[in-house]
Amino acid sequence: MSIRLTFKEGKYRLKDMACYVAGQGKASLNWVSKTEVVATANKPFGVGRGRINCTMPDNSGKHYYWYSNVWIRSSADQGYVSEKS
């Protein structure tokens, strides 16, 4: 599973962005441009919920931006459903 994030100009530090996959640790990040990244889980999600969380500090380092996406797979023979569909 993967998510693609596109950033508008803002007061944040793109170079310090990190994404984490529930139960797997850090996601692989592929920067396709200066403002667009694809975060990918290293393994497929099992049955139940799978989640990718991304965080990034603002320029001051005092505040963080956060984004999360959840996928649900109700059984092994079904595909994923995103809560944000």
PDB file of N, CA and C in Angstrom:
ATOM      1  N   MET A   1       0.838  -1.170   0.000  1.00  0.00           N
ATOM      2  CA  MET A   1       0.000   0.000   0.000  1.00  0.00           C
ATOM      3  C   MET A   1       0.887   1.239   0.000  1.00  0.00           C
ATOM      4  N   SER A   2       0.377   2.279  -0.599  1.00  0.00           N
ATOM      5  CA  SER A   2       1.122   3.535  -0.622  1.00  0.00           C
ATOM      6  C   SER A   2       0.153   4.707  -0.669  1.00  0.00           C
ATOM      7  N   ILE A   3       0.680   5.861  -0.269  1.00  0.00           N
ATOM      8  CA  ILE A   3      -0.068   7.111  -0.393  1.00  0.00           C
ATOM      9  C   ILE A   3       0.835   8.120  -1.078  1.00  0.00           C
ATOM     10  N   ARG A   4       0.221   8.997  -1.845  1.00  0.00           N
ATOM     11  CA  ARG A   4       0.940  10.068  -2.535  1.00  0.00           C
ATOM     12  C   ARG A   4       0.505  11.388  -1.913  1.00  0.00           C
ATOM     13  N   LEU A   5       1.487  12.158  -1.454  1.00  0.00           N
ATOM     14  CA  LEU A   5       1.208  13.452  -0.836  1.00  0.00           C
ATOM     15  C   LEU A   5       1.821  14.555  -1.683  1.00  0.00           C
ATOM     16  N   THR A   6       1.048  15.601  -1.916  1.00  0.00           N
ATOM     17  CA  THR A   6       1.517  16.773  -2.658  1.00  0.00           C
ATOM     18  C   THR A   6       1.415  17.974  -1.729  1.00  0.00           C
ATOM     19  N   PHE A   7       2.496  18.730  -1.618  1.00  0.00           N
ATOM     20  CA  PHE A   7       2.569  19.845  -0.685  1.00  0.00           C
ATOM     21  C   PHE A   7       2.514  21.184  -1.408  1.00  0.00           C
ATOM     22  N   LYS A   8       1.701  22.080  -0.868  1.00  0.00           N
ATOM     23  CA  LYS A   8       1.690  23.470  -1.313  1.00  0.00           C
ATOM     24  C   LYS A   8       2.813  24.198  -0.583  1.00  0.00           C
ATOM     25  N   GLU A   9       3.126  25.386  -1.018  1.00  0.00           N
ATOM     26  CA  GLU A   9       4.141  26.178  -0.320  1.00  0.00           C
ATOM     27  C   GLU A   9       3.674  26.404   1.111  1.00  0.00           C
ATOM     28  N   GLY A  10       4.579  26.240   2.049  1.00  0.00           N
ATOM     29  CA  GLY A  10       4.187  26.390   3.441  1.00  0.00           C
ATOM     30  C   GLY A  10       5.383  26.552   4.353  1.00  0.00           C
ATOM     31  N   LYS A  11       5.093  26.703   5.635  1.00  0.00           N
ATOM     32  CA  LYS A  11       6.131  26.913   6.651  1.00  0.00           C
ATOM     33  C   LYS A  11       6.454  25.593   7.340  1.00  0.00           C
ATOM     34  N   TYR A  12       6.920  24.628   6.570  1.00  0.00           N
ATOM     35  CA  TYR A  12       7.276  23.331   7.102  1.00  0.00           C
ATOM     36  C   TYR A  12       8.580  22.856   6.472  1.00  0.00           C
ATOM     37  N   ARG A  13       9.156  21.813   7.099  1.00  0.00           N
ATOM     38  CA  ARG A  13      10.456  21.306   6.650  1.00  0.00           C
ATOM     39  C   ARG A  13      10.267  19.954   5.964  1.00  0.00           C
ATOM     40  N   LEU A  14      10.123  19.986   4.657  1.00  0.00           N
ATOM     41  CA  LEU A  14       9.898  18.764   3.895  1.00  0.00           C
ATOM     42  C   LEU A  14      11.003  17.737   4.116  1.00  0.00           C
ATOM     43  N   LYS A  15      12.246  18.222   4.271  1.00  0.00           N
ATOM     44  CA  LYS A  15      13.376  17.299   4.415  1.00  0.00           C
ATOM     45  C   LYS A  15      13.297  16.489   5.704  1.00  0.00           C
ATOM     46  N   ASP A  16      12.486  16.931   6.669  1.00  0.00           N
ATOM     47  CA  ASP A  16      12.358  16.244   7.946  1.00  0.00           C
ATOM     48  C   ASP A  16      11.069  15.420   8.058  1.00  0.00           C
ATOM     49  N   MET A  17      10.368  15.222   6.945  1.00  0.00           N
ATOM     50  CA  MET A  17       9.154  14.423   6.963  1.00  0.00           C
ATOM     51  C   MET A  17       9.506  12.952   7.151  1.00  0.00           C
ATOM     52  N   ALA A  18       8.701  12.258   7.939  1.00  0.00           N
ATOM     53  CA  ALA A  18       8.861  10.817   8.135  1.00  0.00           C
ATOM     54  C   ALA A  18       7.473  10.176   8.132  1.00  0.00           C
ATOM     55  N   CYS A  19       7.396   8.989   7.560  1.00  0.00           N
ATOM     56  CA  CYS A  19       6.144   8.244   7.542  1.00  0.00           C
ATOM     57  C   CYS A  19       6.380   6.872   8.166  1.00  0.00           C
ATOM     58  N   TYR A  20       5.382   6.403   8.877  1.00  0.00           N
ATOM     59  CA  TYR A  20       5.477   5.131   9.587  1.00  0.00           C
ATOM     60  C   TYR A  20       4.274   4.263   9.248  1.00  0.00           C
ATOM     61  N   VAL A  21       4.526   2.972   9.114  1.00  0.00           N
ATOM     62  CA  VAL A  21       3.488   2.000   8.805  1.00  0.00           C
ATOM     63  C   VAL A  21       3.199   1.206  10.071  1.00  0.00           C
ATOM     64  N   ALA A  22       1.925   1.109  10.430  1.00  0.00           N
ATOM     65  CA  ALA A  22       1.546   0.368  11.640  1.00  0.00           C
ATOM     66  C   ALA A  22       2.106  -1.047  11.594  1.00  0.00           C
ATOM     67  N   GLY A  23       2.879  -1.414  12.621  1.00  0.00           N
ATOM     68  CA  GLY A  23       3.442  -2.743  12.730  1.00  0.00           C
ATOM     69  C   GLY A  23       4.656  -3.020  11.863  1.00  0.00           C
ATOM     70  N   GLN A  24       5.123  -2.016  11.082  1.00  0.00           N
ATOM     71  CA  GLN A  24       6.240  -2.248  10.165  1.00  0.00           C
ATOM     72  C   GLN A  24       7.400  -1.275  10.344  1.00  0.00           C
ATOM     73  N   GLY A  25       7.195  -0.178  11.032  1.00  0.00           N
ATOM     74  CA  GLY A  25       8.250   0.824  11.152  1.00  0.00           C
ATOM     75  C   GLY A  25       8.154   1.866  10.045  1.00  0.00           C
ATOM     76  N   LYS A  26       9.312   2.410   9.661  1.00  0.00           N
ATOM     77  CA  LYS A  26       9.326   3.493   8.672  1.00  0.00           C
ATOM     78  C   LYS A  26       8.885   3.017   7.294  1.00  0.00           C
ATOM     79  N   ALA A  27       8.125   3.882   6.615  1.00  0.00           N
ATOM     80  CA  ALA A  27       7.722   3.631   5.233  1.00  0.00           C
ATOM     81  C   ALA A  27       8.859   4.055   4.308  1.00  0.00           C
ATOM     82  N   SER A  28       8.897   3.482   3.132  1.00  0.00           N
ATOM     83  CA  SER A  28       9.835   3.915   2.103  1.00  0.00           C
ATOM     84  C   SER A  28       9.288   5.193   1.472  1.00  0.00           C
ATOM     85  N   LEU A  29      10.145   6.209   1.340  1.00  0.00           N
ATOM     86  CA  LEU A  29       9.731   7.474   0.733  1.00  0.00           C
ATOM     87  C   LEU A  29      10.397   7.622  -0.623  1.00  0.00           C
ATOM     88  N   ASN A  30       9.592   7.935  -1.627  1.00  0.00           N
ATOM     89  CA  ASN A  30      10.093   8.183  -2.971  1.00  0.00           C
ATOM     90  C   ASN A  30       9.647   9.584  -3.384  1.00  0.00           C
ATOM     91  N   TRP A  31      10.586  10.529  -3.366  1.00  0.00           N
ATOM     92  CA  TRP A  31      10.276  11.902  -3.761  1.00  0.00           C
ATOM     93  C   TRP A  31      10.232  11.963  -5.285  1.00  0.00           C
ATOM     94  N   VAL A  32       9.031  12.166  -5.830  1.00  0.00           N
ATOM     95  CA  VAL A  32       8.869  12.217  -7.284  1.00  0.00           C
ATOM     96  C   VAL A  32       9.085  13.633  -7.821  1.00  0.00           C
ATOM     97  N   SER A  33       9.057  14.614  -6.933  1.00  0.00           N
ATOM     98  CA  SER A  33       9.396  16.002  -7.271  1.00  0.00           C
ATOM     99  C   SER A  33       9.761  16.697  -5.959  1.00  0.00           C
ATOM    100  N   LYS A  34      10.054  17.991  -6.022  1.00  0.00           N
ATOM    101  CA  LYS A  34      10.405  18.735  -4.801  1.00  0.00           C
ATOM    102  C   LYS A  34       9.236  18.848  -3.839  1.00  0.00           C
ATOM    103  N   THR A  35       8.014  18.691  -4.347  1.00  0.00           N
ATOM    104  CA  THR A  35       6.824  18.875  -3.506  1.00  0.00           C
ATOM    105  C   THR A  35       5.887  17.675  -3.491  1.00  0.00           C
ATOM    106  N   GLU A  36       6.321  16.537  -3.996  1.00  0.00           N
ATOM    107  CA  GLU A  36       5.444  15.369  -4.052  1.00  0.00           C
ATOM    108  C   GLU A  36       6.223  14.113  -3.659  1.00  0.00           C
ATOM    109  N   VAL A  37       5.623  13.335  -2.747  1.00  0.00           N
ATOM    110  CA  VAL A  37       6.276  12.121  -2.248  1.00  0.00           C
ATOM    111  C   VAL A  37       5.269  10.975  -2.228  1.00  0.00           C
ATOM    112  N   VAL A  38       5.788   9.766  -2.436  1.00  0.00           N
ATOM    113  CA  VAL A  38       4.990   8.558  -2.301  1.00  0.00           C
ATOM    114  C   VAL A  38       5.573   7.768  -1.127  1.00  0.00           C
ATOM    115  N   ALA A  39       4.734   7.497  -0.130  1.00  0.00           N
ATOM    116  CA  ALA A  39       5.130   6.698   1.037  1.00  0.00           C
ATOM    117  C   ALA A  39       4.543   5.305   0.856  1.00  0.00           C
ATOM    118  N   THR A  40       5.411   4.284   0.952  1.00  0.00           N
ATOM    119  CA  THR A  40       4.989   2.916   0.666  1.00  0.00           C
ATOM    120  C   THR A  40       5.320   1.990   1.826  1.00  0.00           C
ATOM    121  N   ALA A  41       4.350   1.140   2.174  1.00  0.00           N
ATOM    122  CA  ALA A  41       4.574   0.106   3.182  1.00  0.00           C
ATOM    123  C   ALA A  41       5.517  -0.944   2.600  1.00  0.00           C
ATOM    124  N   ASN A  42       6.408  -1.479   3.423  1.00  0.00           N
ATOM    125  CA  ASN A  42       7.359  -2.485   2.948  1.00  0.00           C
ATOM    126  C   ASN A  42       6.708  -3.842   2.713  1.00  0.00           C
ATOM    127  N   LYS A  43       5.592  -4.128   3.410  1.00  0.00           N
ATOM    128  CA  LYS A  43       4.867  -5.387   3.245  1.00  0.00           C
ATOM    129  C   LYS A  43       3.380  -5.064   3.108  1.00  0.00           C
ATOM    130  N   PRO A  44       2.618  -5.937   2.450  1.00  0.00           N
ATOM    131  CA  PRO A  44       1.162  -5.725   2.384  1.00  0.00           C
ATOM    132  C   PRO A  44       0.551  -5.773   3.783  1.00  0.00           C
ATOM    133  N   PHE A  45      -0.559  -5.095   3.959  1.00  0.00           N
ATOM    134  CA  PHE A  45      -1.291  -5.158   5.218  1.00  0.00           C
ATOM    135  C   PHE A  45      -2.031  -6.488   5.298  1.00  0.00           C
ATOM    136  N   GLY A  46      -2.155  -7.002   6.498  1.00  0.00           N
ATOM    137  CA  GLY A  46      -2.923  -8.225   6.708  1.00  0.00           C
ATOM    138  C   GLY A  46      -4.408  -7.900   6.829  1.00  0.00           C
ATOM    139  N   VAL A  47      -5.165  -8.880   7.255  1.00  0.00           N
ATOM    140  CA  VAL A  47      -6.599  -8.684   7.474  1.00  0.00           C
ATOM    141  C   VAL A  47      -6.777  -7.745   8.663  1.00  0.00           C
ATOM    142  N   GLY A  48      -7.722  -6.860   8.569  1.00  0.00           N
ATOM    143  CA  GLY A  48      -7.974  -5.857   9.605  1.00  0.00           C
ATOM    144  C   GLY A  48      -7.595  -4.478   9.093  1.00  0.00           C
ATOM    145  N   ARG A  49      -7.086  -3.659  10.003  1.00  0.00           N
ATOM    146  CA  ARG A  49      -6.726  -2.288   9.634  1.00  0.00           C
ATOM    147  C   ARG A  49      -5.232  -2.173   9.374  1.00  0.00           C
ATOM    148  N   GLY A  50      -4.899  -1.360   8.382  1.00  0.00           N
ATOM    149  CA  GLY A  50      -3.520  -0.979   8.120  1.00  0.00           C
ATOM    150  C   GLY A  50      -3.466   0.539   8.058  1.00  0.00           C
ATOM    151  N   ARG A  51      -2.356   1.118   8.500  1.00  0.00           N
ATOM    152  CA  ARG A  51      -2.315   2.584   8.569  1.00  0.00           C
ATOM    153  C   ARG A  51      -0.916   3.084   8.234  1.00  0.00           C
ATOM    154  N   ILE A  52      -0.878   4.226   7.534  1.00  0.00           N
ATOM    155  CA  ILE A  52       0.361   4.965   7.314  1.00  0.00           C
ATOM    156  C   ILE A  52       0.172   6.347   7.929  1.00  0.00           C
ATOM    157  N   ASN A  53       1.090   6.728   8.848  1.00  0.00           N
ATOM    158  CA  ASN A  53       1.088   8.051   9.480  1.00  0.00           C
ATOM    159  C   ASN A  53       2.324   8.816   9.018  1.00  0.00           C
ATOM    160  N   CYS A  54       2.145  10.078   8.662  1.00  0.00           N
ATOM    161  CA  CYS A  54       3.269  10.922   8.269  1.00  0.00           C
ATOM    162  C   CYS A  54       3.294  12.161   9.159  1.00  0.00           C
ATOM    163  N   THR A  55       4.490  12.553   9.588  1.00  0.00           N
ATOM    164  CA  THR A  55       4.662  13.749  10.406  1.00  0.00           C
ATOM    165  C   THR A  55       5.794  14.589   9.846  1.00  0.00           C
ATOM    166  N   MET A  56       5.721  15.896  10.130  1.00  0.00           N
ATOM    167  CA  MET A  56       6.736  16.827   9.649  1.00  0.00           C
ATOM    168  C   MET A  56       6.698  18.087  10.519  1.00  0.00           C
ATOM    169  N   PRO A  57       7.868  18.567  10.968  1.00  0.00           N
ATOM    170  CA  PRO A  57       7.883  19.778  11.797  1.00  0.00           C
ATOM    171  C   PRO A  57       7.674  21.043  10.967  1.00  0.00           C
ATOM    172  N   ASP A  58       7.169  22.081  11.640  1.00  0.00           N
ATOM    173  CA  ASP A  58       7.134  23.384  10.982  1.00  0.00           C
ATOM    174  C   ASP A  58       8.536  23.993  11.058  1.00  0.00           C
ATOM    175  N   ASN A  59       8.704  25.157  10.471  1.00  0.00           N
ATOM    176  CA  ASN A  59      10.032  25.781  10.421  1.00  0.00           C
ATOM    177  C   ASN A  59      10.609  26.071  11.803  1.00  0.00           C
ATOM    178  N   SER A  60       9.750  26.313  12.790  1.00  0.00           N
ATOM    179  CA  SER A  60      10.244  26.615  14.139  1.00  0.00           C
ATOM    180  C   SER A  60      10.671  25.358  14.885  1.00  0.00           C
ATOM    181  N   GLY A  61      10.171  24.191  14.454  1.00  0.00           N
ATOM    182  CA  GLY A  61      10.442  22.950  15.159  1.00  0.00           C
ATOM    183  C   GLY A  61       9.589  22.769  16.402  1.00  0.00           C
ATOM    184  N   LYS A  62       8.680  23.694  16.671  1.00  0.00           N
ATOM    185  CA  LYS A  62       7.833  23.630  17.863  1.00  0.00           C
ATOM    186  C   LYS A  62       6.493  22.945  17.594  1.00  0.00           C
ATOM    187  N   HIS A  63       6.079  22.897  16.344  1.00  0.00           N
ATOM    188  CA  HIS A  63       4.784  22.336  15.975  1.00  0.00           C
ATOM    189  C   HIS A  63       4.989  21.325  14.858  1.00  0.00           C
ATOM    190  N   TYR A  64       4.053  20.374  14.776  1.00  0.00           N
ATOM    191  CA  TYR A  64       4.147  19.329  13.758  1.00  0.00           C
ATOM    192  C   TYR A  64       2.882  19.254  12.925  1.00  0.00           C
ATOM    193  N   TYR A  65       3.072  18.905  11.671  1.00  0.00           N
ATOM    194  CA  TYR A  65       1.969  18.566  10.786  1.00  0.00           C
ATOM    195  C   TYR A  65       1.859  17.041  10.819  1.00  0.00           C
ATOM    196  N   TRP A  66       0.638  16.534  10.696  1.00  0.00           N
ATOM    197  CA  TRP A  66       0.406  15.109  10.794  1.00  0.00           C
ATOM    198  C   TRP A  66      -0.645  14.716   9.780  1.00  0.00           C
ATOM    199  N   TYR A  67      -0.425  13.578   9.109  1.00  0.00           N
ATOM    200  CA  TYR A  67      -1.400  13.036   8.169  1.00  0.00           C
ATOM    201  C   TYR A  67      -1.454  11.527   8.367  1.00  0.00           C
ATOM    202  N   SER A  68      -2.645  10.969   8.329  1.00  0.00           N
ATOM    203  CA  SER A  68      -2.812   9.533   8.505  1.00  0.00           C
ATOM    204  C   SER A  68      -3.844   9.010   7.523  1.00  0.00           C
ATOM    205  N   ASN A  69      -3.606   7.802   7.019  1.00  0.00           N
ATOM    206  CA  ASN A  69      -4.579   7.149   6.146  1.00  0.00           C
ATOM    207  C   ASN A  69      -4.743   5.708   6.622  1.00  0.00           C
ATOM    208  N   VAL A  70      -5.992   5.244   6.673  1.00  0.00           N
ATOM    209  CA  VAL A  70      -6.307   3.893   7.143  1.00  0.00           C
ATOM    210  C   VAL A  70      -6.931   3.102   6.003  1.00  0.00           C
ATOM    211  N   TRP A  71      -6.485   1.844   5.877  1.00  0.00           N
ATOM    212  CA  TRP A  71      -7.093   0.901   4.950  1.00  0.00           C
ATOM    213  C   TRP A  71      -7.684  -0.237   5.763  1.00  0.00           C
ATOM    214  N   ILE A  72      -8.814  -0.780   5.307  1.00  0.00           N
ATOM    215  CA  ILE A  72      -9.466  -1.881   6.004  1.00  0.00           C
ATOM    216  C   ILE A  72      -9.603  -3.051   5.034  1.00  0.00           C
ATOM    217  N   ARG A  73      -9.180  -4.205   5.515  1.00  0.00           N
ATOM    218  CA  ARG A  73      -9.329  -5.438   4.745  1.00  0.00           C
ATOM    219  C   ARG A  73     -10.086  -6.411   5.632  1.00  0.00           C
ATOM    220  N   SER A  74     -11.362  -6.666   5.298  1.00  0.00           N
ATOM    221  CA  SER A  74     -12.221  -7.442   6.198  1.00  0.00           C
ATOM    222  C   SER A  74     -11.960  -8.946   6.146  1.00  0.00           C
ATOM    223  N   SER A  75     -11.411  -9.446   5.056  1.00  0.00           N
ATOM    224  CA  SER A  75     -11.066 -10.870   4.988  1.00  0.00           C
ATOM    225  C   SER A  75      -9.948 -11.067   3.970  1.00  0.00           C
ATOM    226  N   ALA A  76      -9.295 -12.216   4.036  1.00  0.00           N
ATOM    227  CA  ALA A  76      -8.132 -12.480   3.187  1.00  0.00           C
ATOM    228  C   ALA A  76      -8.476 -12.485   1.698  1.00  0.00           C
ATOM    229  N   ASP A  77      -9.723 -12.777   1.353  1.00  0.00           N
ATOM    230  CA  ASP A  77     -10.096 -12.838  -0.060  1.00  0.00           C
ATOM    231  C   ASP A  77     -10.667 -11.516  -0.579  1.00  0.00           C
ATOM    232  N   GLN A  78     -10.629 -10.461   0.229  1.00  0.00           N
ATOM    233  CA  GLN A  78     -11.124  -9.156  -0.201  1.00  0.00           C
ATOM    234  C   GLN A  78      -9.989  -8.160  -0.327  1.00  0.00           C
ATOM    235  N   GLY A  79     -10.210  -7.163  -1.152  1.00  0.00           N
ATOM    236  CA  GLY A  79      -9.237  -6.088  -1.304  1.00  0.00           C
ATOM    237  C   GLY A  79      -9.344  -5.098  -0.163  1.00  0.00           C
ATOM    238  N   TYR A  80      -8.625  -4.000  -0.287  1.00  0.00           N
ATOM    239  CA  TYR A  80      -8.594  -2.965   0.739  1.00  0.00           C
ATOM    240  C   TYR A  80      -9.677  -1.928   0.490  1.00  0.00           C
ATOM    241  N   VAL A  81     -10.181  -1.373   1.579  1.00  0.00           N
ATOM    242  CA  VAL A  81     -11.119  -0.261   1.536  1.00  0.00           C
ATOM    243  C   VAL A  81     -10.467   0.872   2.303  1.00  0.00           C
ATOM    244  N   SER A  82     -10.403   2.059   1.719  1.00  0.00           N
ATOM    245  CA  SER A  82      -9.857   3.210   2.415  1.00  0.00           C
ATOM    246  C   SER A  82     -10.990   3.956   3.081  1.00  0.00           C
ATOM    247  N   GLU A  83     -10.785   4.371   4.335  1.00  0.00           N
ATOM    248  CA  GLU A  83     -11.818   5.138   5.045  1.00  0.00           C
ATOM    249  C   GLU A  83     -12.054   6.479   4.388  1.00  0.00           C
ATOM    250  N   LYS A  84     -11.099   6.954   3.581  1.00  0.00           N
ATOM    251  CA  LYS A  84     -11.240   8.267   2.973  1.00  0.00           C
ATOM    252  C   LYS A  84     -11.755   8.194   1.546  1.00  0.00           C
ATOM    253  N   SER A  85     -12.339   7.065   1.167  1.00  0.00           N
ATOM    254  CA  SER A  85     -12.866   6.887  -0.192  1.00  0.00           C
ATOM    255  C   SER A  85     -14.070   7.764  -0.407  1.00  0.00           C
TER     256      SER A  85
END
